[in-house]
């Protein structure tokens, strides 16, 4: 991945407000050529101890992606007041932008 594209992704990630979420696809659409998979890759490659809100990124179906950090992701989102519906999806009102 080109460093400039990674920087765009991380800049967008840093801008997601507390209590809101966005999707891999929405982040990709805000860049100069990233795909949702590239966004996911950039998040997987974040260094240990970073302060970026990776947990505010969800799938297009408004669910948490299946990964080892999903339980922590859900806890962090709930702590920020992000609502989930009865089917386990984040409510549409929480989507940003």
Foldseek 3Di string as FASTA:
>chain_A
DDPVQLVQLQVVQQPQDQLAAEELQVSCVSTDHDHSVVSVVSLVPDDPPDDGLSLRYDHPVQARDDDPCRVVSVVRNVVSVQDADPVRGGDPVRYDD
